[in-house]
């Protein structure tokens, strides 16, 4: 039984290594006639790993934040202030943002 498992793993590994080698060869000399030759491989990989499904994380969570210190053109001043978040000053009695945050939390809890 162990030899059957090892044989299956060897065959699967050989197939993956051959697929990898084929991709490497294609990247060395890309064919213009097949611009989407590996689209099916990508879709298959996504379906195997579950990446095609909703992860629950919205893209906007990452894109809305500025990434200071992540560029070669970042100034020294920006590097020193990277950990400091500049928020607009709240006015006394202005609770709209807090109320909307609480409403959002209430909706999330209601969905659970």
Protein backbone atom coordinates (compact mmCIF):
# COMPACT_ATOMS: atom_id res chain seq x y z
CA UNK A 1 0.00 0.00 0.00
CA UNK A 2 2.83 2.40 0.82
CA UNK A 3 4.44 1.70 -2.55
CA UNK A 4 1.14 2.55 -4.30
CA UNK A 5 1.02 5.90 -2.50
CA UNK A 6 4.66 6.59 -3.33
CA UNK A 7 4.06 5.67 -6.98
CA UNK A 8 1.05 8.00 -7.14
CA UNK A 9 3.04 10.81 -5.53
CA UNK A 10 5.96 10.21 -7.90
CA UNK A 11 3.64 10.36 -10.91
CA UNK A 12 1.98 13.54 -9.66
CA UNK A 13 5.34 15.15 -8.91
CA UNK A 14 6.67 14.15 -12.34
CA UNK A 15 3.61 15.71 -13.96
CA UNK A 16 4.01 18.93 -12.00
CA UNK A 17 7.71 19.14 -12.77
CA UNK A 18 7.03 18.57 -16.47
CA UNK A 19 4.36 21.28 -16.44
CA UNK A 20 6.78 23.64 -14.71
CA UNK A 21 9.50 22.85 -17.26
CA UNK A 22 7.05 23.50 -20.11
CA UNK A 23 6.16 26.89 -18.64
CA UNK A 24 9.85 27.78 -18.20
CA UNK A 25 10.52 26.87 -21.83
CA UNK A 26 7.53 28.92 -22.98
CA UNK A 27 8.75 31.92 -20.99
CA UNK A 28 12.20 31.62 -22.55
CA UNK A 29 10.69 31.79 -26.05
CA UNK A 30 7.09 33.01 -25.77
CA UNK A 31 4.80 32.18 -28.64
CA UNK A 32 2.84 35.14 -29.94
CA UNK A 33 0.26 32.83 -31.47
CA UNK A 34 -0.84 31.60 -28.02
CA UNK A 35 -1.08 34.64 -25.72
CA UNK A 36 -3.52 32.84 -23.39
CA UNK A 37 -1.97 29.37 -23.55
CA UNK A 38 -1.80 28.99 -19.78
CA UNK A 39 -5.16 30.53 -18.90
CA UNK A 40 -6.69 27.08 -18.38
CA UNK A 41 -3.79 26.11 -16.11
CA UNK A 42 -4.35 29.23 -14.04
CA UNK A 43 -8.08 28.55 -13.74
CA UNK A 44 -7.42 24.93 -12.77
CA UNK A 45 -4.93 26.00 -10.11
CA UNK A 46 -7.38 28.53 -8.71
CA UNK A 47 -10.12 25.94 -8.51
CA UNK A 48 -7.82 23.45 -6.75
CA UNK A 49 -6.65 25.90 -4.12
CA UNK A 50 -9.93 27.75 -3.70
CA UNK A 51 -8.46 31.07 -4.83
CA UNK A 52 -11.31 31.59 -7.24
CA UNK A 53 -13.75 31.74 -4.35
CA UNK A 54 -14.51 34.82 -2.32
CA UNK A 55 -11.89 35.13 0.38
CA UNK A 56 -13.99 37.56 2.41
CA UNK A 57 -11.39 40.30 2.06
CA UNK A 58 -12.30 43.18 -0.16
CA UNK A 59 -9.69 44.61 -2.50
CA UNK A 60 -10.56 48.09 -1.34
CA UNK A 61 -9.21 47.23 2.11
CA UNK A 62 -5.71 47.26 0.67
CA UNK A 63 -5.91 49.86 -2.07
CA UNK A 64 -7.28 52.67 0.06
CA UNK A 65 -4.23 52.85 2.30
CA UNK A 66 -1.18 54.73 1.15
CA UNK A 67 1.93 52.65 1.36
CA UNK A 68 4.59 55.02 2.55
CA UNK A 69 8.14 53.74 2.37
CA UNK A 70 7.28 51.29 -0.39
CA UNK A 71 8.76 53.24 -3.27
CA UNK A 72 12.29 53.98 -4.37
CA UNK A 73 11.17 57.58 -4.87
CA UNK A 74 9.95 58.00 -1.30
CA UNK A 75 11.44 61.01 0.37
CA UNK A 76 13.37 60.74 3.61
CA UNK A 77 10.67 62.79 5.35
CA UNK A 78 7.99 60.31 4.26
CA UNK A 79 10.09 57.46 5.61
CA UNK A 80 10.33 59.12 9.01
CA UNK A 81 6.59 59.78 9.15
CA UNK A 82 5.49 56.39 7.77
CA UNK A 83 4.09 55.24 11.11
CA UNK A 84 2.16 58.43 11.73
CA UNK A 85 -1.41 58.47 10.49
CA UNK A 86 -2.77 61.88 9.71
CA UNK A 87 -6.50 61.98 10.35
CA UNK A 88 -8.69 65.02 9.88
CA UNK A 89 -9.44 66.78 13.13
CA UNK A 90 -12.83 65.84 14.47
CA UNK A 91 -15.15 68.62 15.48
CA UNK A 92 -16.85 68.48 18.82
CA UNK A 93 -20.26 66.86 18.38
CA UNK A 94 -19.38 65.36 14.98
CA UNK A 95 -20.19 61.69 15.51
CA UNK A 96 -21.28 60.71 11.99
CA UNK A 97 -18.20 58.58 11.33
CA UNK A 98 -18.52 56.81 14.68
CA UNK A 99 -22.24 56.22 14.13
CA UNK A 100 -21.66 54.77 10.66
CA UNK A 101 -18.94 52.49 12.08
CA UNK A 102 -21.29 51.27 14.81
CA UNK A 103 -24.06 50.72 12.23
CA UNK A 104 -21.67 48.68 10.11
CA UNK A 105 -20.70 46.56 13.14
CA UNK A 106 -24.36 46.03 13.99
CA UNK A 107 -25.05 44.82 10.43
CA UNK A 108 -22.07 42.45 10.56
CA UNK A 109 -23.21 41.03 13.90
CA UNK A 110 -26.76 40.61 12.62
CA UNK A 111 -25.47 38.58 9.67
CA UNK A 112 -23.60 36.16 11.96
